[in-house]
Full PDB file with SEQRES, HELIX, SHEET, SSBOND, CRYST1, ORIGX, SCALE, CONECT and MASTER records, all heavy atoms in Angstrom:
SEQRES   1 A   30  VAL PHE HIS VAL LYS GLU SER GLY TRP GLU PHE LYS GLY          
SEQRES   2 A   30  ASN PHE ASP VAL GLY GLU LEU HIS TRP GLU TYR GLN ALA          
SEQRES   3 A   30  ILE PRO LYS GLY                                              
HELIX    1 AA1 VAL A   17  ALA A   26  1                                  10    
SHEET    1 AA1 2 PHE A   2  LYS A   5  0                                        
SHEET    2 AA1 2 GLY A   8  PHE A  11 -1                                        
CRYST1    1.000    1.000    1.000  90.00  90.00  90.00 P 1           1          
ORIGX1      1.000000  0.000000  0.000000        0.00000                         
ORIGX2      0.000000  1.000000  0.000000        0.00000                         
ORIGX3      0.000000  0.000000  1.000000        0.00000                         
SCALE1      1.000000  0.000000  0.000000        0.00000                         
SCALE2      0.000000  1.000000  0.000000        0.00000                         
SCALE3      0.000000  0.000000  1.000000        0.00000                         
ATOM      1  N   VAL A   1       0.791  -1.165  -0.067  1.00  0.00           N  
ATOM      2  CA  VAL A   1      -0.007  -0.041  -0.116  1.00  0.00           C  
ATOM      3  C   VAL A   1       0.863   1.243  -0.031  1.00  0.00           C  
ATOM      4  O   VAL A   1       1.864   1.360   0.709  1.00  0.00           O  
ATOM      5  CB  VAL A   1      -0.933  -0.038   1.199  1.00  0.00           C  
ATOM      6  CG1 VAL A   1      -1.857   1.224   1.173  1.00  0.00           C  
ATOM      7  CG2 VAL A   1      -1.728  -1.305   1.343  1.00  0.00           C  
ATOM      8  N   PHE A   2       0.481   2.156  -0.859  1.00  0.00           N  
ATOM      9  CA  PHE A   2       1.245   3.431  -0.960  1.00  0.00           C  
ATOM     10  C   PHE A   2       0.215   4.643  -0.886  1.00  0.00           C  
ATOM     11  O   PHE A   2      -0.975   4.378  -1.225  1.00  0.00           O  
ATOM     12  CB  PHE A   2       1.912   3.624  -2.309  1.00  0.00           C  
ATOM     13  CG  PHE A   2       3.080   2.738  -2.520  1.00  0.00           C  
ATOM     14  CD1 PHE A   2       2.924   1.367  -2.850  1.00  0.00           C  
ATOM     15  CD2 PHE A   2       4.452   3.288  -2.495  1.00  0.00           C  
ATOM     16  CE1 PHE A   2       4.095   0.587  -2.988  1.00  0.00           C  
ATOM     17  CE2 PHE A   2       5.554   2.439  -2.561  1.00  0.00           C  
ATOM     18  CZ  PHE A   2       5.350   1.143  -2.837  1.00  0.00           C  
ATOM     19  N   HIS A   3       0.712   5.798  -0.292  1.00  0.00           N  
ATOM     20  CA  HIS A   3      -0.066   7.000  -0.156  1.00  0.00           C  
ATOM     21  C   HIS A   3       0.610   8.080  -0.947  1.00  0.00           C  
ATOM     22  O   HIS A   3       1.723   8.368  -0.491  1.00  0.00           O  
ATOM     23  CB  HIS A   3      -0.412   7.362   1.232  1.00  0.00           C  
ATOM     24  CG  HIS A   3      -1.247   8.547   1.528  1.00  0.00           C  
ATOM     25  ND1 HIS A   3      -1.087   9.338   2.645  1.00  0.00           N  
ATOM     26  CD2 HIS A   3      -2.194   9.118   0.718  1.00  0.00           C  
ATOM     27  CE1 HIS A   3      -1.954  10.302   2.622  1.00  0.00           C  
ATOM     28  NE2 HIS A   3      -2.598  10.210   1.397  1.00  0.00           N  
ATOM     29  N   VAL A   4      -0.059   8.659  -1.913  1.00  0.00           N  
ATOM     30  CA  VAL A   4       0.430   9.794  -2.651  1.00  0.00           C  
ATOM     31  C   VAL A   4      -0.044  11.086  -2.152  1.00  0.00           C  
ATOM     32  O   VAL A   4      -1.240  11.157  -1.990  1.00  0.00           O  
ATOM     33  CB  VAL A   4       0.196   9.657  -4.106  1.00  0.00           C  
ATOM     34  CG1 VAL A   4       0.825  10.858  -4.919  1.00  0.00           C  
ATOM     35  CG2 VAL A   4       0.716   8.414  -4.586  1.00  0.00           C  
ATOM     36  N   LYS A   5       0.798  11.970  -1.588  1.00  0.00           N  
ATOM     37  CA  LYS A   5       0.290  13.225  -1.039  1.00  0.00           C  
ATOM     38  C   LYS A   5       1.197  14.241  -1.628  1.00  0.00           C  
ATOM     39  O   LYS A   5       2.077  14.110  -2.473  1.00  0.00           O  
ATOM     40  CB  LYS A   5       0.379  13.155   0.460  1.00  0.00           C  
ATOM     41  CG  LYS A   5       1.623  12.658   1.028  1.00  0.00           C  
ATOM     42  CD  LYS A   5       1.508  12.408   2.466  1.00  0.00           C  
ATOM     43  CE  LYS A   5       2.745  11.722   3.135  1.00  0.00           C  
ATOM     44  NZ  LYS A   5       2.701  11.416   4.496  1.00  0.00           N  
ATOM     45  N   GLU A   6       1.029  15.525  -1.117  1.00  0.00           N  
ATOM     46  CA  GLU A   6       1.637  16.782  -1.802  1.00  0.00           C  
ATOM     47  C   GLU A   6       3.085  16.728  -1.595  1.00  0.00           C  
ATOM     48  O   GLU A   6       3.867  17.231  -2.409  1.00  0.00           O  
ATOM     49  CB  GLU A   6       1.046  17.997  -1.193  1.00  0.00           C  
ATOM     50  CG  GLU A   6       1.587  19.380  -1.878  1.00  0.00           C  
ATOM     51  CD  GLU A   6       0.879  20.534  -1.338  1.00  0.00           C  
ATOM     52  OE1 GLU A   6       0.153  20.459  -0.338  1.00  0.00           O  
ATOM     53  OE2 GLU A   6       1.101  21.591  -1.858  1.00  0.00           O  
ATOM     54  N   SER A   7       3.642  16.033  -0.579  1.00  0.00           N  
ATOM     55  CA  SER A   7       5.027  15.957  -0.315  1.00  0.00           C  
ATOM     56  C   SER A   7       5.674  14.826  -1.001  1.00  0.00           C  
ATOM     57  O   SER A   7       6.933  14.665  -0.845  1.00  0.00           O  
ATOM     58  CB  SER A   7       5.328  15.892   1.267  1.00  0.00           C  
ATOM     59  OG  SER A   7       4.624  14.693   1.804  1.00  0.00           O  
ATOM     60  N   GLY A   8       4.987  14.059  -1.777  1.00  0.00           N  
ATOM     61  CA  GLY A   8       5.426  12.900  -2.462  1.00  0.00           C  
ATOM     62  C   GLY A   8       4.750  11.556  -1.958  1.00  0.00           C  
ATOM     63  O   GLY A   8       3.894  11.671  -1.112  1.00  0.00           O  
ATOM     64  N   TRP A   9       5.136  10.399  -2.579  1.00  0.00           N  
ATOM     65  CA  TRP A   9       4.431   9.249  -2.187  1.00  0.00           C  
ATOM     66  C   TRP A   9       5.165   8.649  -0.923  1.00  0.00           C  
ATOM     67  O   TRP A   9       6.353   8.941  -0.672  1.00  0.00           O  
ATOM     68  CB  TRP A   9       4.488   8.145  -3.339  1.00  0.00           C  
ATOM     69  CG  TRP A   9       6.038   7.883  -3.959  1.00  0.00           C  
ATOM     70  CD1 TRP A   9       6.638   8.465  -4.943  1.00  0.00           C  
ATOM     71  CD2 TRP A   9       6.900   6.978  -3.484  1.00  0.00           C  
ATOM     72  NE1 TRP A   9       7.760   7.876  -5.159  1.00  0.00           N  
ATOM     73  CE2 TRP A   9       8.178   6.996  -4.210  1.00  0.00           C  
ATOM     74  CE3 TRP A   9       6.931   6.100  -2.144  1.00  0.00           C  
ATOM     75  CZ2 TRP A   9       9.155   6.185  -3.965  1.00  0.00           C  
ATOM     76  CZ3 TRP A   9       8.067   5.344  -1.976  1.00  0.00           C  
ATOM     77  CH2 TRP A   9       9.208   5.397  -2.817  1.00  0.00           C  
ATOM     78  N   GLU A  10       4.393   7.874  -0.193  1.00  0.00           N  
ATOM     79  CA  GLU A  10       4.947   7.242   0.895  1.00  0.00           C  
ATOM     80  C   GLU A  10       4.426   5.776   1.076  1.00  0.00           C  
ATOM     81  O   GLU A  10       3.305   5.484   0.810  1.00  0.00           O  
ATOM     82  CB  GLU A  10       4.392   7.967   2.243  1.00  0.00           C  
ATOM     83  CG  GLU A  10       4.819   7.383   3.526  1.00  0.00           C  
ATOM     84  CD  GLU A  10       4.231   8.159   4.785  1.00  0.00           C  
ATOM     85  OE1 GLU A  10       3.597   9.068   4.550  1.00  0.00           O  
ATOM     86  OE2 GLU A  10       4.422   7.598   5.876  1.00  0.00           O  
ATOM     87  N   PHE A  11       5.407   4.914   1.341  1.00  0.00           N  
ATOM     88  CA  PHE A  11       5.092   3.490   1.430  1.00  0.00           C  
ATOM     89  C   PHE A  11       4.418   3.192   2.752  1.00  0.00           C  
ATOM     90  O   PHE A  11       5.035   3.587   3.881  1.00  0.00           O  
ATOM     91  CB  PHE A  11       6.278   2.565   1.191  1.00  0.00           C  
ATOM     92  CG  PHE A  11       5.988   1.165   1.341  1.00  0.00           C  
ATOM     93  CD1 PHE A  11       5.164   0.369   0.563  1.00  0.00           C  
ATOM     94  CD2 PHE A  11       6.660   0.370   2.412  1.00  0.00           C  
ATOM     95  CE1 PHE A  11       5.062  -0.910   0.757  1.00  0.00           C  
ATOM     96  CE2 PHE A  11       6.446  -0.960   2.461  1.00  0.00           C  
ATOM     97  CZ  PHE A  11       5.599  -1.665   1.709  1.00  0.00           C  
ATOM     98  N   LYS A  12       3.280   2.592   2.845  1.00  0.00           N  
ATOM     99  CA  LYS A  12       2.558   2.449   4.080  1.00  0.00           C  
ATOM    100  C   LYS A  12       2.692   1.017   4.679  1.00  0.00           C  
ATOM    101  O   LYS A  12       2.176   0.804   5.734  1.00  0.00           O  
ATOM    102  CB  LYS A  12       1.039   2.819   3.925  1.00  0.00           C  
ATOM    103  CG  LYS A  12       0.789   4.216   3.271  1.00  0.00           C  
ATOM    104  CD  LYS A  12       1.453   5.334   4.203  1.00  0.00           C  
ATOM    105  CE  LYS A  12       0.772   5.502   5.653  1.00  0.00           C  
ATOM    106  NZ  LYS A  12       1.284   6.576   6.249  1.00  0.00           N  
ATOM    107  N   GLY A  13       3.037   0.103   3.905  1.00  0.00           N  
ATOM    108  CA  GLY A  13       3.281  -1.279   4.485  1.00  0.00           C  
ATOM    109  C   GLY A  13       3.094  -2.370   3.575  1.00  0.00           C  
ATOM    110  O   GLY A  13       2.419  -2.300   2.516  1.00  0.00           O  
ATOM    111  N   ASN A  14       3.492  -3.540   3.941  1.00  0.00           N  
ATOM    112  CA  ASN A  14       3.311  -4.808   3.239  1.00  0.00           C  
ATOM    113  C   ASN A  14       2.516  -5.714   4.126  1.00  0.00           C  
ATOM    114  O   ASN A  14       2.889  -5.964   5.260  1.00  0.00           O  
ATOM    115  CB  ASN A  14       4.749  -5.523   2.896  1.00  0.00           C  
ATOM    116  CG  ASN A  14       4.516  -6.837   2.310  1.00  0.00           C  
ATOM    117  OD1 ASN A  14       4.614  -7.823   2.972  1.00  0.00           O  
ATOM    118  ND2 ASN A  14       4.406  -6.879   1.031  1.00  0.00           N  
ATOM    119  N   PHE A  15       1.546  -6.252   3.679  1.00  0.00           N  
ATOM    120  CA  PHE A  15       0.381  -7.107   4.606  1.00  0.00           C  
ATOM    121  C   PHE A  15       0.206  -8.459   3.844  1.00  0.00           C  
ATOM    122  O   PHE A  15      -0.191  -8.421   2.748  1.00  0.00           O  
ATOM    123  CB  PHE A  15      -0.793  -6.342   4.741  1.00  0.00           C  
ATOM    124  CG  PHE A  15      -0.591  -4.896   5.288  1.00  0.00           C  
ATOM    125  CD1 PHE A  15      -0.593  -3.835   4.323  1.00  0.00           C  
ATOM    126  CD2 PHE A  15      -0.570  -4.616   6.484  1.00  0.00           C  
ATOM    127  CE1 PHE A  15      -0.516  -2.553   4.631  1.00  0.00           C  
ATOM    128  CE2 PHE A  15      -0.457  -3.264   6.962  1.00  0.00           C  
ATOM    129  CZ  PHE A  15      -0.361  -2.314   6.136  1.00  0.00           C  
ATOM    130  N   ASP A  16       0.629  -9.399   4.514  1.00  0.00           N  
ATOM    131  CA  ASP A  16       0.467 -10.874   4.070  1.00  0.00           C  
ATOM    132  C   ASP A  16      -1.043 -11.132   4.047  1.00  0.00           C  
ATOM    133  O   ASP A  16      -1.811 -10.878   5.009  1.00  0.00           O  
ATOM    134  CB  ASP A  16       1.125 -11.831   4.943  1.00  0.00           C  
ATOM    135  CG  ASP A  16       1.041 -13.213   4.506  1.00  0.00           C  
ATOM    136  OD1 ASP A  16       0.105 -13.967   4.786  1.00  0.00           O  
ATOM    137  OD2 ASP A  16       1.959 -13.774   3.785  1.00  0.00           O  
ATOM    138  N   VAL A  17      -1.523 -11.657   2.823  1.00  0.00           N  
ATOM    139  CA  VAL A  17      -2.861 -11.905   2.765  1.00  0.00           C  
ATOM    140  C   VAL A  17      -3.422 -13.118   3.603  1.00  0.00           C  
ATOM    141  O   VAL A  17      -4.603 -13.046   3.882  1.00  0.00           O  
ATOM    142  CB  VAL A  17      -3.313 -12.173   1.164  1.00  0.00           C  
ATOM    143  CG1 VAL A  17      -2.958 -11.041   0.418  1.00  0.00           C  
ATOM    144  CG2 VAL A  17      -2.520 -13.379   0.640  1.00  0.00           C  
ATOM    145  N   GLY A  18      -2.575 -13.936   3.929  1.00  0.00           N  
ATOM    146  CA  GLY A  18      -3.012 -15.024   4.837  1.00  0.00           C  
ATOM    147  C   GLY A  18      -3.304 -14.511   6.138  1.00  0.00           C  
ATOM    148  O   GLY A  18      -4.466 -14.995   6.908  1.00  0.00           O  
ATOM    149  N   GLU A  19      -2.527 -13.587   6.614  1.00  0.00           N  
ATOM    150  CA  GLU A  19      -2.749 -12.992   8.022  1.00  0.00           C  
ATOM    151  C   GLU A  19      -4.057 -12.090   7.920  1.00  0.00           C  
ATOM    152  O   GLU A  19      -4.858 -11.983   8.890  1.00  0.00           O  
ATOM    153  CB  GLU A  19      -1.656 -12.192   8.479  1.00  0.00           C  
ATOM    154  CG  GLU A  19      -0.347 -12.948   8.773  1.00  0.00           C  
ATOM    155  CD  GLU A  19       0.824 -12.249   9.223  1.00  0.00           C  
ATOM    156  OE1 GLU A  19       0.773 -11.032   9.295  1.00  0.00           O  
ATOM    157  OE2 GLU A  19       1.888 -12.807   9.341  1.00  0.00           O  
ATOM    158  N   LEU A  20      -4.201 -11.400   6.782  1.00  0.00           N  
ATOM    159  CA  LEU A  20      -5.388 -10.536   6.615  1.00  0.00           C  
ATOM    160  C   LEU A  20      -6.712 -11.369   6.615  1.00  0.00           C  
ATOM    161  O   LEU A  20      -7.697 -10.881   7.135  1.00  0.00           O  
ATOM    162  CB  LEU A  20      -5.258  -9.794   5.331  1.00  0.00           C  
ATOM    163  CG  LEU A  20      -4.174  -8.662   5.278  1.00  0.00           C  
ATOM    164  CD1 LEU A  20      -4.251  -7.945   3.853  1.00  0.00           C  
ATOM    165  CD2 LEU A  20      -4.508  -7.490   6.299  1.00  0.00           C  
ATOM    166  N   HIS A  21      -6.596 -12.549   5.985  1.00  0.00           N  
ATOM    167  CA  HIS A  21      -7.740 -13.433   5.948  1.00  0.00           C  
ATOM    168  C   HIS A  21      -8.331 -13.585   7.355  1.00  0.00           C  
ATOM    169  O   HIS A  21      -9.546 -13.508   7.535  1.00  0.00           O  
ATOM    170  CB  HIS A  21      -7.427 -14.834   5.270  1.00  0.00           C  
ATOM    171  CG  HIS A  21      -8.553 -15.693   5.226  1.00  0.00           C  
ATOM    172  ND1 HIS A  21      -9.632 -15.577   4.431  1.00  0.00           N  
ATOM    173  CD2 HIS A  21      -8.733 -16.809   5.980  1.00  0.00           C  
ATOM    174  CE1 HIS A  21     -10.427 -16.537   4.604  1.00  0.00           C  
ATOM    175  NE2 HIS A  21      -9.946 -17.297   5.625  1.00  0.00           N  
ATOM    176  N   TRP A  22      -7.390 -14.024   8.240  1.00  0.00           N  
ATOM    177  CA  TRP A  22      -8.054 -14.331   9.625  1.00  0.00           C  
ATOM    178  C   TRP A  22      -8.312 -13.114  10.347  1.00  0.00           C  
ATOM    179  O   TRP A  22      -9.203 -13.138  11.256  1.00  0.00           O  
ATOM    180  CB  TRP A  22      -6.877 -15.152  10.458  1.00  0.00           C  
ATOM    181  CG  TRP A  22      -6.579 -16.548   9.804  1.00  0.00           C  
ATOM    182  CD1 TRP A  22      -5.480 -16.803   9.070  1.00  0.00           C  
ATOM    183  CD2 TRP A  22      -7.541 -17.599   9.604  1.00  0.00           C  
ATOM    184  NE1 TRP A  22      -5.600 -18.151   8.641  1.00  0.00           N  
ATOM    185  CE2 TRP A  22      -6.974 -18.583   8.970  1.00  0.00           C  
ATOM    186  CE3 TRP A  22      -8.889 -17.765  10.069  1.00  0.00           C  
ATOM    187  CZ2 TRP A  22      -7.556 -19.772   8.672  1.00  0.00           C  
ATOM    188  CZ3 TRP A  22      -9.456 -18.995   9.773  1.00  0.00           C  
ATOM    189  CH2 TRP A  22      -8.799 -19.949   9.000  1.00  0.00           C  
ATOM    190  N   GLU A  23      -7.600 -12.054  10.057  1.00  0.00           N  
ATOM    191  CA  GLU A  23      -7.961 -10.701  10.624  1.00  0.00           C  
ATOM    192  C   GLU A  23      -9.419 -10.340  10.260  1.00  0.00           C  
ATOM    193  O   GLU A  23     -10.175  -9.946  11.267  1.00  0.00           O  
ATOM    194  CB  GLU A  23      -7.020  -9.593  10.329  1.00  0.00           C  
ATOM    195  CG  GLU A  23      -7.414  -8.240  10.840  1.00  0.00           C  
ATOM    196  CD  GLU A  23      -6.346  -7.225  10.330  1.00  0.00           C  
ATOM    197  OE1 GLU A  23      -5.244  -7.465   9.949  1.00  0.00           O  
ATOM    198  OE2 GLU A  23      -6.820  -6.048  10.172  1.00  0.00           O  
ATOM    199  N   TYR A  24      -9.697 -10.362   8.998  1.00  0.00           N  
ATOM    200  CA  TYR A  24     -11.122  -9.983   8.499  1.00  0.00           C  
ATOM    201  C   TYR A  24     -12.089 -11.078   9.029  1.00  0.00           C  
ATOM    202  O   TYR A  24     -13.265 -10.657   9.160  1.00  0.00           O  
ATOM    203  CB  TYR A  24     -11.096  -9.761   7.120  1.00  0.00           C  
ATOM    204  CG  TYR A  24     -10.280  -8.604   6.619  1.00  0.00           C  
ATOM    205  CD1 TYR A  24      -9.427  -8.535   5.542  1.00  0.00           C  
ATOM    206  CD2 TYR A  24     -10.378  -7.400   7.359  1.00  0.00           C  
ATOM    207  CE1 TYR A  24      -8.721  -7.561   5.134  1.00  0.00           C  
ATOM    208  CE2 TYR A  24      -9.579  -6.291   6.953  1.00  0.00           C  
ATOM    209  CZ  TYR A  24      -8.797  -6.342   5.925  1.00  0.00           C  
ATOM    210  OH  TYR A  24      -8.072  -5.201   5.506  1.00  0.00           O  
ATOM    211  N   GLN A  25     -11.727 -12.296   9.119  1.00  0.00           N  
ATOM    212  CA  GLN A  25     -12.694 -13.317   9.467  1.00  0.00           C  
ATOM    213  C   GLN A  25     -13.143 -13.135  10.885  1.00  0.00           C  
ATOM    214  O   GLN A  25     -14.324 -13.502  11.338  1.00  0.00           O  
ATOM    215  CB  GLN A  25     -12.098 -14.747   9.265  1.00  0.00           C  
ATOM    216  CG  GLN A  25     -11.976 -15.062   7.878  1.00  0.00           C  
ATOM    217  CD  GLN A  25     -13.253 -15.266   7.131  1.00  0.00           C  
ATOM    218  OE1 GLN A  25     -14.266 -15.908   7.708  1.00  0.00           O  
ATOM    219  NE2 GLN A  25     -13.394 -14.625   5.949  1.00  0.00           N  
ATOM    220  N   ALA A  26     -12.320 -12.600  11.741  1.00  0.00           N  
ATOM    221  CA  ALA A  26     -12.615 -12.455  13.163  1.00  0.00           C  
ATOM    222  C   ALA A  26     -13.683 -11.151  13.329  1.00  0.00           C  
ATOM    223  O   ALA A  26     -14.075 -11.132  14.489  1.00  0.00           O  
ATOM    224  CB  ALA A  26     -11.357 -12.128  13.916  1.00  0.00           C  
ATOM    225  N   ILE A  27     -13.768 -10.260  12.354  1.00  0.00           N  
ATOM    226  CA  ILE A  27     -14.743  -9.180  12.499  1.00  0.00           C  
ATOM    227  C   ILE A  27     -16.085  -9.640  12.314  1.00  0.00           C  
ATOM    228  O   ILE A  27     -16.394 -10.407  11.395  1.00  0.00           O  
ATOM    229  CB  ILE A  27     -14.389  -8.142  11.425  1.00  0.00           C  
ATOM    230  CG1 ILE A  27     -12.967  -7.636  11.555  1.00  0.00           C  
ATOM    231  CG2 ILE A  27     -15.401  -6.981  11.448  1.00  0.00           C  
ATOM    232  CD1 ILE A  27     -12.554  -6.761  10.470  1.00  0.00           C  
ATOM    233  N   PRO A  28     -17.005  -9.365  13.299  1.00  0.00           N  
ATOM    234  CA  PRO A  28     -18.416  -9.801  13.234  1.00  0.00           C  
ATOM    235  C   PRO A  28     -19.010  -9.195  11.991  1.00  0.00           C  
ATOM    236  O   PRO A  28     -18.788  -8.099  11.575  1.00  0.00           O  
ATOM    237  CB  PRO A  28     -19.012  -9.192  14.524  1.00  0.00           C  
ATOM    238  CG  PRO A  28     -17.893  -8.938  15.382  1.00  0.00           C  
ATOM    239  CD  PRO A  28     -16.755  -8.583  14.591  1.00  0.00           C  
ATOM    240  N   LYS A  29     -19.817 -10.089  11.419  1.00  0.00           N  
ATOM    241  CA  LYS A  29     -20.476  -9.691  10.074  1.00  0.00           C  
ATOM    242  C   LYS A  29     -21.775  -8.917  10.452  1.00  0.00           C  
ATOM    243  O   LYS A  29     -22.539  -9.343  11.424  1.00  0.00           O  
ATOM    244  CB  LYS A  29     -20.874 -10.943   9.378  1.00  0.00           C  
ATOM    245  CG  LYS A  29     -19.698 -11.699   8.955  1.00  0.00           C  
ATOM    246  CD  LYS A  29     -18.610 -11.028   8.090  1.00  0.00           C  
ATOM    247  CE  LYS A  29     -17.643 -11.992   7.546  1.00  0.00           C  
ATOM    248  NZ  LYS A  29     -16.611 -12.503   8.645  1.00  0.00           N  
ATOM    249  N   GLY A  30     -22.085  -7.925   9.676  1.00  0.00           N  
ATOM    250  CA  GLY A  30     -23.305  -7.163   9.915  1.00  0.00           C  
ATOM    251  C   GLY A  30     -24.515  -7.849   9.199  1.00  0.00           C  
ATOM    252  O   GLY A  30     -24.333  -8.818   8.543  1.00  0.00           O  
TER     253      GLY A  30                                                      
MASTER        0    0    0    1    2    0    0    6  252    1    0    3          
END                                                                             
């Protein structure tokens, strides 16, 4: 993920999709 702003672009991080899967699965569904 990158964020482009007036001072230039900034790298915001690298996130493993395997870990994201369990992170989002733990969120209660509406």
